[in-house]
Amino acid sequence: DRLAVKLEQSKVEKQLAEAALKDKYETQLKDRDEAIE
């Protein structure tokens, strides 16, 4: 049960990290595209 809860938390954290990383890279790509432009 503890591991299930931890796994669920990890999944949530992973999803949040992936979302943050995705936003970061999207922002970087956007900035790069803007810089290129």
All heavy atoms as atom14 arrays in JSON, in Angstrom:
{
  "sequence": "DRLAVKLEQSKVEKQLAEAALKDKYETQLKDRDEAIE",
  "atom14_mask": [
    [1, 1, 1, 1, 1, 1, 1, 1, 0, 0, 0, 0, 0, 0],
    [1, 1, 1, 1, 1, 1, 1, 1, 1, 1, 1, 0, 0, 0],
    [1, 1, 1, 1, 1, 1, 1, 1, 0, 0, 0, 0, 0, 0],
    [1, 1, 1, 1, 1, 0, 0, 0, 0, 0, 0, 0, 0, 0],
    [1, 1, 1, 1, 1, 1, 1, 0, 0, 0, 0, 0, 0, 0],
    [1, 1, 1, 1, 1, 1, 1, 1, 1, 0, 0, 0, 0, 0],
    [1, 1, 1, 1, 1, 1, 1, 1, 0, 0, 0, 0, 0, 0],
    [1, 1, 1, 1, 1, 1, 1, 1, 1, 0, 0, 0, 0, 0],
    [1, 1, 1, 1, 1, 1, 1, 1, 1, 0, 0, 0, 0, 0],
    [1, 1, 1, 1, 1, 1, 0, 0, 0, 0, 0, 0, 0, 0],
    [1, 1, 1, 1, 1, 1, 1, 1, 1, 0, 0, 0, 0, 0],
    [1, 1, 1, 1, 1, 1, 1, 0, 0, 0, 0, 0, 0, 0],
    [1, 1, 1, 1, 1, 1, 1, 1, 1, 0, 0, 0, 0, 0],
    [1, 1, 1, 1, 1, 1, 1, 1, 1, 0, 0, 0, 0, 0],
    [1, 1, 1, 1, 1, 1, 1, 1, 1, 0, 0, 0, 0, 0],
    [1, 1, 1, 1, 1, 1, 1, 1, 0, 0, 0, 0, 0, 0],
    [1, 1, 1, 1, 1, 0, 0, 0, 0, 0, 0, 0, 0, 0],
    [1, 1, 1, 1, 1, 1, 1, 1, 1, 0, 0, 0, 0, 0],
    [1, 1, 1, 1, 1, 0, 0, 0, 0, 0, 0, 0, 0, 0],
    [1, 1, 1, 1, 1, 0, 0, 0, 0, 0, 0, 0, 0, 0],
    [1, 1, 1, 1, 1, 1, 1, 1, 0, 0, 0, 0, 0, 0],
    [1, 1, 1, 1, 1, 1, 1, 1, 1, 0, 0, 0, 0, 0],
    [1, 1, 1, 1, 1, 1, 1, 1, 0, 0, 0, 0, 0, 0],
    [1, 1, 1, 1, 1, 1, 1, 1, 1, 0, 0, 0, 0, 0],
    [1, 1, 1, 1, 1, 1, 1, 1, 1, 1, 1, 1, 0, 0],
    [1, 1, 1, 1, 1, 1, 1, 1, 1, 0, 0, 0, 0, 0],
    [1, 1, 1, 1, 1, 1, 1, 0, 0, 0, 0, 0, 0, 0],
    [1, 1, 1, 1, 1, 1, 1, 1, 1, 0, 0, 0, 0, 0],
    [1, 1, 1, 1, 1, 1, 1, 1, 0, 0, 0, 0, 0, 0],
    [1, 1, 1, 1, 1, 1, 1, 1, 1, 0, 0, 0, 0, 0],
    [1, 1, 1, 1, 1, 1, 1, 1, 0, 0, 0, 0, 0, 0],
    [1, 1, 1, 1, 1, 1, 1, 1, 1, 1, 1, 0, 0, 0],
    [1, 1, 1, 1, 1, 1, 1, 1, 0, 0, 0, 0, 0, 0],
    [1, 1, 1, 1, 1, 1, 1, 1, 1, 0, 0, 0, 0, 0],
    [1, 1, 1, 1, 1, 0, 0, 0, 0, 0, 0, 0, 0, 0],
    [1, 1, 1, 1, 1, 1, 1, 1, 0, 0, 0, 0, 0, 0],
    [1, 1, 1, 1, 1, 1, 1, 1, 1, 0, 0, 0, 0, 0]
  ],
  "atom14_positions": [
    [[0.83, -1.21, 0.0], [0.0, 0.0, 0.0], [0.87, 1.26, 0.0], [0.59, 2.23, -0.72], [-0.92, 0.0, 1.22], [-1.91, -1.15, 1.18], [-2.19, -1.66, 0.06], [-2.43, -1.55, 2.26], [0.0, 0.0, 0.0], [0.0, 0.0, 0.0], [0.0, 0.0, 0.0], [0.0, 0.0, 0.0], [0.0, 0.0, 0.0], [0.0, 0.0, 0.0]],
    [[1.97, 1.22, 0.84], [2.86, 2.38, 0.88], [3.54, 2.61, -0.47], [3.63, 3.75, -0.95], [3.92, 2.17, 1.97], [4.8, 3.39, 2.22], [5.83, 3.09, 3.28], [6.79, 2.12, 2.8], [7.83, 2.42, 2.02], [8.02, 3.66, 1.6], [8.66, 1.47, 1.63], [0.0, 0.0, 0.0], [0.0, 0.0, 0.0], [0.0, 0.0, 0.0]],
    [[4.02, 1.5, -1.06], [4.65, 1.62, -2.37], [3.66, 2.06, -3.43], [4.02, 2.8, -4.36], [5.29, 0.27, -2.76], [6.51, -0.15, -1.94], [6.97, -1.55, -2.36], [7.66, 0.85, -2.15], [0.0, 0.0, 0.0], [0.0, 0.0, 0.0], [0.0, 0.0, 0.0], [0.0, 0.0, 0.0], [0.0, 0.0, 0.0], [0.0, 0.0, 0.0]],
    [[2.43, 1.59, -3.29], [1.41, 2.01, -4.26], [1.17, 3.51, -4.16], [1.08, 4.22, -5.17], [0.11, 1.23, -4.02], [0.0, 0.0, 0.0], [0.0, 0.0, 0.0], [0.0, 0.0, 0.0], [0.0, 0.0, 0.0], [0.0, 0.0, 0.0], [0.0, 0.0, 0.0], [0.0, 0.0, 0.0], [0.0, 0.0, 0.0], [0.0, 0.0, 0.0]],
    [[1.1, 3.97, -2.89], [0.92, 5.42, -2.69], [2.13, 6.18, -3.22], [2.01, 7.22, -3.9], [0.7, 5.72, -1.19], [0.68, 7.23, -0.95], [-0.61, 5.1, -0.72], [0.0, 0.0, 0.0], [0.0, 0.0, 0.0], [0.0, 0.0, 0.0], [0.0, 0.0, 0.0], [0.0, 0.0, 0.0], [0.0, 0.0, 0.0], [0.0, 0.0, 0.0]],
    [[3.34, 5.65, -2.88], [4.57, 6.3, -3.36], [4.65, 6.28, -4.87], [5.07, 7.26, -5.5], [5.78, 5.59, -2.75], [7.09, 6.29, -3.03], [8.23, 5.62, -2.29], [9.55, 6.35, -2.57], [10.68, 5.68, -1.87], [0.0, 0.0, 0.0], [0.0, 0.0, 0.0], [0.0, 0.0, 0.0], [0.0, 0.0, 0.0], [0.0, 0.0, 0.0]],
    [[4.25, 5.13, -5.46], [4.26, 5.03, -6.91], [3.29, 6.02, -7.52], [3.6, 6.67, -8.54], [3.89, 3.6, -7.33], [3.84, 3.32, -8.83], [5.21, 3.56, -9.47], [3.38, 1.88, -9.09], [0.0, 0.0, 0.0], [0.0, 0.0, 0.0], [0.0, 0.0, 0.0], [0.0, 0.0, 0.0], [0.0, 0.0, 0.0], [0.0, 0.0, 0.0]],
    [[2.17, 6.17, -6.89], [1.2, 7.13, -7.39], [1.75, 8.55, -7.28], [1.62, 9.36, -8.22], [-0.11, 7.0, -6.59], [-1.27, 7.78, -7.18], [-1.7, 7.26, -8.54], [-1.46, 6.07, -8.82], [-2.26, 8.06, -9.33], [0.0, 0.0, 0.0], [0.0, 0.0, 0.0], [0.0, 0.0, 0.0], [0.0, 0.0, 0.0], [0.0, 0.0, 0.0]],
    [[2.39, 8.82, -6.11], [3.02, 10.13, -5.96], [4.12, 10.34, -6.98], [4.26, 11.42, -7.55], [3.59, 10.27, -4.54], [2.53, 10.34, -3.44], [3.16, 10.39, -2.06], [4.37, 10.2, -1.9], [2.33, 10.65, -1.05], [0.0, 0.0, 0.0], [0.0, 0.0, 0.0], [0.0, 0.0, 0.0], [0.0, 0.0, 0.0], [0.0, 0.0, 0.0]],
    [[4.92, 9.26, -7.2], [6.0, 9.36, -8.2], [5.43, 9.62, -9.58], [5.99, 10.41, -10.37], [6.84, 8.08, -8.2], [7.43, 7.85, -6.95], [0.0, 0.0, 0.0], [0.0, 0.0, 0.0], [0.0, 0.0, 0.0], [0.0, 0.0, 0.0], [0.0, 0.0, 0.0], [0.0, 0.0, 0.0], [0.0, 0.0, 0.0], [0.0, 0.0, 0.0]],
    [[4.32, 8.93, -9.88], [3.69, 9.16, -11.18], [3.24, 10.61, -11.31], [3.45, 11.24, -12.35], [2.51, 8.22, -11.35], [2.89, 6.77, -11.59], [1.66, 5.91, -11.77], [2.03, 4.44, -12.04], [0.82, 3.6, -12.2], [0.0, 0.0, 0.0], [0.0, 0.0, 0.0], [0.0, 0.0, 0.0], [0.0, 0.0, 0.0], [0.0, 0.0, 0.0]],
    [[2.64, 11.11, -10.21], [2.19, 12.51, -10.23], [3.38, 13.45, -10.38], [3.37, 14.39, -11.19], [1.39, 12.83, -8.96], [1.04, 14.32, -8.9], [0.12, 11.99, -8.9], [0.0, 0.0, 0.0], [0.0, 0.0, 0.0], [0.0, 0.0, 0.0], [0.0, 0.0, 0.0], [0.0, 0.0, 0.0], [0.0, 0.0, 0.0], [0.0, 0.0, 0.0]],
    [[4.44, 13.17, -9.55], [5.64, 14.01, -9.64], [6.27, 13.91, -11.01], [6.75, 14.9, -11.57], [6.64, 13.59, -8.56], [6.18, 13.9, -7.15], [7.17, 13.39, -6.12], [8.15, 12.72, -6.51], [6.95, 13.63, -4.91], [0.0, 0.0, 0.0], [0.0, 0.0, 0.0], [0.0, 0.0, 0.0], [0.0, 0.0, 0.0], [0.0, 0.0, 0.0]],
    [[6.31, 12.7, -11.56], [6.88, 12.51, -12.88], [6.08, 13.28, -13.92], [6.64, 13.91, -14.82], [6.91, 11.02, -13.23], [7.52, 10.72, -14.59], [7.53, 9.22, -14.86], [8.12, 8.94, -16.25], [8.09, 7.49, -16.55], [0.0, 0.0, 0.0], [0.0, 0.0, 0.0], [0.0, 0.0, 0.0], [0.0, 0.0, 0.0], [0.0, 0.0, 0.0]],
    [[4.75, 13.19, -13.79], [3.91, 13.92, -14.73], [4.14, 15.42, -14.6], [4.25, 16.13, -15.61], [2.44, 13.57, -14.47], [2.06, 12.14, -14.85], [0.64, 11.81, -14.46], [-0.05, 12.62, -13.83], [0.19, 10.6, -14.82], [0.0, 0.0, 0.0], [0.0, 0.0, 0.0], [0.0, 0.0, 0.0], [0.0, 0.0, 0.0], [0.0, 0.0, 0.0]],
    [[4.25, 15.88, -13.32], [4.52, 17.31, -13.11], [5.89, 17.7, -13.67], [6.04, 18.75, -14.31], [4.43, 17.65, -11.62], [3.04, 17.52, -10.98], [3.14, 17.76, -9.48], [2.06, 18.5, -11.61], [0.0, 0.0, 0.0], [0.0, 0.0, 0.0], [0.0, 0.0, 0.0], [0.0, 0.0, 0.0], [0.0, 0.0, 0.0], [0.0, 0.0, 0.0]],
    [[6.91, 16.82, -13.39], [8.25, 17.11, -13.9], [8.28, 17.1, -15.42], [8.91, 17.95, -16.06], [9.25, 16.09, -13.35], [0.0, 0.0, 0.0], [0.0, 0.0, 0.0], [0.0, 0.0, 0.0], [0.0, 0.0, 0.0], [0.0, 0.0, 0.0], [0.0, 0.0, 0.0], [0.0, 0.0, 0.0], [0.0, 0.0, 0.0], [0.0, 0.0, 0.0]],
    [[7.59, 16.1, -16.0], [7.53, 16.03, -17.45], [6.83, 17.26, -18.01], [7.25, 17.82, -19.03], [6.81, 14.76, -17.89], [7.62, 13.48, -17.66], [6.83, 12.24, -18.05], [5.61, 12.38, -18.32], [7.43, 11.14, -18.08], [0.0, 0.0, 0.0], [0.0, 0.0, 0.0], [0.0, 0.0, 0.0], [0.0, 0.0, 0.0], [0.0, 0.0, 0.0]],
    [[5.76, 17.66, -17.31], [5.05, 18.86, -17.77], [5.94, 20.09, -17.66], [6.0, 20.92, -18.59], [3.78, 19.05, -16.96], [0.0, 0.0, 0.0], [0.0, 0.0, 0.0], [0.0, 0.0, 0.0], [0.0, 0.0, 0.0], [0.0, 0.0, 0.0], [0.0, 0.0, 0.0], [0.0, 0.0, 0.0], [0.0, 0.0, 0.0], [0.0, 0.0, 0.0]],
    [[6.67, 20.2, -16.49], [7.57, 21.35, -16.31], [8.7, 21.32, -17.33], [9.06, 22.34, -17.92], [8.13, 21.35, -14.89], [0.0, 0.0, 0.0], [0.0, 0.0, 0.0], [0.0, 0.0, 0.0], [0.0, 0.0, 0.0], [0.0, 0.0, 0.0], [0.0, 0.0, 0.0], [0.0, 0.0, 0.0], [0.0, 0.0, 0.0], [0.0, 0.0, 0.0]],
    [[9.27, 20.09, -17.53], [10.35, 19.96, -18.5], [9.86, 20.26, -19.9], [10.55, 20.92, -20.69], [10.92, 18.54, -18.43], [12.21, 18.26, -19.21], [13.34, 19.14, -18.69], [12.6, 16.8, -19.12], [0.0, 0.0, 0.0], [0.0, 0.0, 0.0], [0.0, 0.0, 0.0], [0.0, 0.0, 0.0], [0.0, 0.0, 0.0], [0.0, 0.0, 0.0]],
    [[8.65, 19.78, -20.18], [8.07, 20.04, -21.49], [7.86, 21.54, -21.68], [8.19, 22.1, -22.73], [6.75, 19.29, -21.62], [6.09, 19.44, -22.98], [4.82, 18.63, -23.05], [4.13, 18.8, -24.42], [2.86, 18.04, -24.48], [0.0, 0.0, 0.0], [0.0, 0.0, 0.0], [0.0, 0.0, 0.0], [0.0, 0.0, 0.0], [0.0, 0.0, 0.0]],
    [[7.31, 22.18, -20.62], [7.12, 23.64, -20.7], [8.45, 24.36, -20.86], [8.57, 25.32, -21.64], [6.41, 24.14, -19.44], [4.98, 23.64, -19.35], [4.42, 23.27, -20.41], [4.42, 23.63, -18.23], [0.0, 0.0, 0.0], [0.0, 0.0, 0.0], [0.0, 0.0, 0.0], [0.0, 0.0, 0.0], [0.0, 0.0, 0.0], [0.0, 0.0, 0.0]],
    [[9.49, 23.85, -20.09], [10.8, 24.48, -20.18], [11.37, 24.37, -21.59], [11.83, 25.37, -22.16], [11.75, 23.81, -19.18], [13.17, 24.35, -19.22], [14.05, 23.6, -18.24], [15.51, 24.07, -18.35], [16.38, 23.31, -17.41], [0.0, 0.0, 0.0], [0.0, 0.0, 0.0], [0.0, 0.0, 0.0], [0.0, 0.0, 0.0], [0.0, 0.0, 0.0]],
    [[11.33, 23.14, -22.13], [11.88, 22.96, -23.48], [11.04, 23.66, -24.53], [11.57, 24.18, -25.52], [12.02, 21.47, -23.8], [13.21, 20.83, -23.15], [13.07, 19.79, -22.24], [14.5, 21.27, -23.42], [14.16, 19.21, -21.62], [15.6, 20.7, -22.82], [15.42, 19.67, -21.92], [16.52, 19.12, -21.31], [0.0, 0.0, 0.0], [0.0, 0.0, 0.0]],
    [[9.73, 23.66, -24.31], [8.89, 24.41, -25.24], [9.23, 25.9, -25.19], [9.28, 26.56, -26.23], [7.42, 24.18, -24.9], [6.9, 22.8, -25.3], [5.43, 22.62, -24.94], [4.89, 23.52, -24.25], [4.85, 21.59, -25.34], [0.0, 0.0, 0.0], [0.0, 0.0, 0.0], [0.0, 0.0, 0.0], [0.0, 0.0, 0.0], [0.0, 0.0, 0.0]],
    [[9.47, 26.38, -23.93], [9.86, 27.79, -23.79], [11.2, 28.05, -24.45], [11.39, 29.05, -25.16], [9.93, 28.17, -22.3], [8.67, 27.92, -21.69], [10.28, 29.64, -22.14], [0.0, 0.0, 0.0], [0.0, 0.0, 0.0], [0.0, 0.0, 0.0], [0.0, 0.0, 0.0], [0.0, 0.0, 0.0], [0.0, 0.0, 0.0], [0.0, 0.0, 0.0]],
    [[12.17, 27.11, -24.2], [13.48, 27.26, -24.83], [13.39, 27.19, -26.35], [14.03, 27.97, -27.06], [14.43, 26.17, -24.31], [14.83, 26.35, -22.86], [15.8, 25.27, -22.4], [16.05, 24.31, -23.12], [16.32, 25.42, -21.18], [0.0, 0.0, 0.0], [0.0, 0.0, 0.0], [0.0, 0.0, 0.0], [0.0, 0.0, 0.0], [0.0, 0.0, 0.0]],
    [[12.57, 26.24, -26.83], [12.39, 26.14, -28.28], [11.74, 27.4, -28.83], [12.1, 27.89, -29.9], [11.56, 24.9, -28.62], [12.25, 23.55, -28.41], [11.26, 22.41, -28.62], [13.43, 23.39, -29.37], [0.0, 0.0, 0.0], [0.0, 0.0, 0.0], [0.0, 0.0, 0.0], [0.0, 0.0, 0.0], [0.0, 0.0, 0.0], [0.0, 0.0, 0.0]],
    [[10.75, 27.88, -28.05], [10.08, 29.11, -28.48], [11.07, 30.27, -28.5], [11.1, 31.06, -29.46], [8.92, 29.41, -27.55], [8.11, 30.64, -27.95], [6.95, 30.86, -26.99], [6.16, 32.11, -27.38], [5.03, 32.35, -26.43], [0.0, 0.0, 0.0], [0.0, 0.0, 0.0], [0.0, 0.0, 0.0], [0.0, 0.0, 0.0], [0.0, 0.0, 0.0]],
    [[11.9, 30.36, -27.39], [12.9, 31.43, -27.35], [13.91, 31.27, -28.49], [14.32, 32.27, -29.1], [13.63, 31.4, -26.01], [12.72, 31.77, -24.85], [11.67, 32.39, -25.11], [13.06, 31.43, -23.69], [0.0, 0.0, 0.0], [0.0, 0.0, 0.0], [0.0, 0.0, 0.0], [0.0, 0.0, 0.0], [0.0, 0.0, 0.0], [0.0, 0.0, 0.0]],
    [[14.3, 30.02, -28.75], [15.25, 29.78, -29.83], [14.65, 30.16, -31.18], [15.31, 30.79, -32.0], [15.67, 28.31, -29.84], [16.74, 27.98, -30.87], [17.14, 26.52, -30.77], [18.12, 26.18, -31.78], [19.42, 26.35, -31.64], [19.89, 26.89, -30.53], [20.26, 26.0, -32.6], [0.0, 0.0, 0.0], [0.0, 0.0, 0.0], [0.0, 0.0, 0.0]],
    [[13.37, 29.74, -31.34], [12.71, 30.11, -32.6], [12.6, 31.62, -32.73], [12.83, 32.18, -33.81], [11.31, 29.47, -32.66], [11.38, 27.96, -32.78], [12.43, 27.46, -33.23], [10.39, 27.28, -32.43], [0.0, 0.0, 0.0], [0.0, 0.0, 0.0], [0.0, 0.0, 0.0], [0.0, 0.0, 0.0], [0.0, 0.0, 0.0], [0.0, 0.0, 0.0]],
    [[12.27, 32.27, -31.58], [12.19, 33.73, -31.62], [13.55, 34.34, -31.9], [13.66, 35.32, -32.65], [11.63, 34.25, -30.28], [10.17, 33.92, -30.06], [9.69, 34.39, -28.69], [10.54, 34.88, -27.91], [8.48, 34.28, -28.42], [0.0, 0.0, 0.0], [0.0, 0.0, 0.0], [0.0, 0.0, 0.0], [0.0, 0.0, 0.0], [0.0, 0.0, 0.0]],
    [[14.6, 33.74, -31.27], [15.96, 34.25, -31.52], [16.34, 34.06, -32.99], [16.94, 34.94, -33.61], [16.96, 33.53, -30.61], [0.0, 0.0, 0.0], [0.0, 0.0, 0.0], [0.0, 0.0, 0.0], [0.0, 0.0, 0.0], [0.0, 0.0, 0.0], [0.0, 0.0, 0.0], [0.0, 0.0, 0.0], [0.0, 0.0, 0.0], [0.0, 0.0, 0.0]],
    [[15.98, 32.88, -33.51], [16.26, 32.63, -34.93], [15.53, 33.64, -35.8], [16.09, 34.19, -36.76], [15.88, 31.19, -35.31], [16.84, 30.2, -34.61], [15.92, 30.99, -36.81], [16.43, 28.75, -34.78], [0.0, 0.0, 0.0], [0.0, 0.0, 0.0], [0.0, 0.0, 0.0], [0.0, 0.0, 0.0], [0.0, 0.0, 0.0], [0.0, 0.0, 0.0]],
    [[14.26, 33.87, -35.44], [13.49, 34.85, -36.2], [14.09, 36.24, -36.08], [14.16, 36.99, -37.06], [12.03, 34.86, -35.73], [11.25, 33.62, -36.1], [11.18, 33.42, -37.62], [11.09, 34.44, -38.34], [11.25, 32.27, -38.07], [0.0, 0.0, 0.0], [0.0, 0.0, 0.0], [0.0, 0.0, 0.0], [0.0, 0.0, 0.0], [0.0, 0.0, 0.0]]
  ]
}
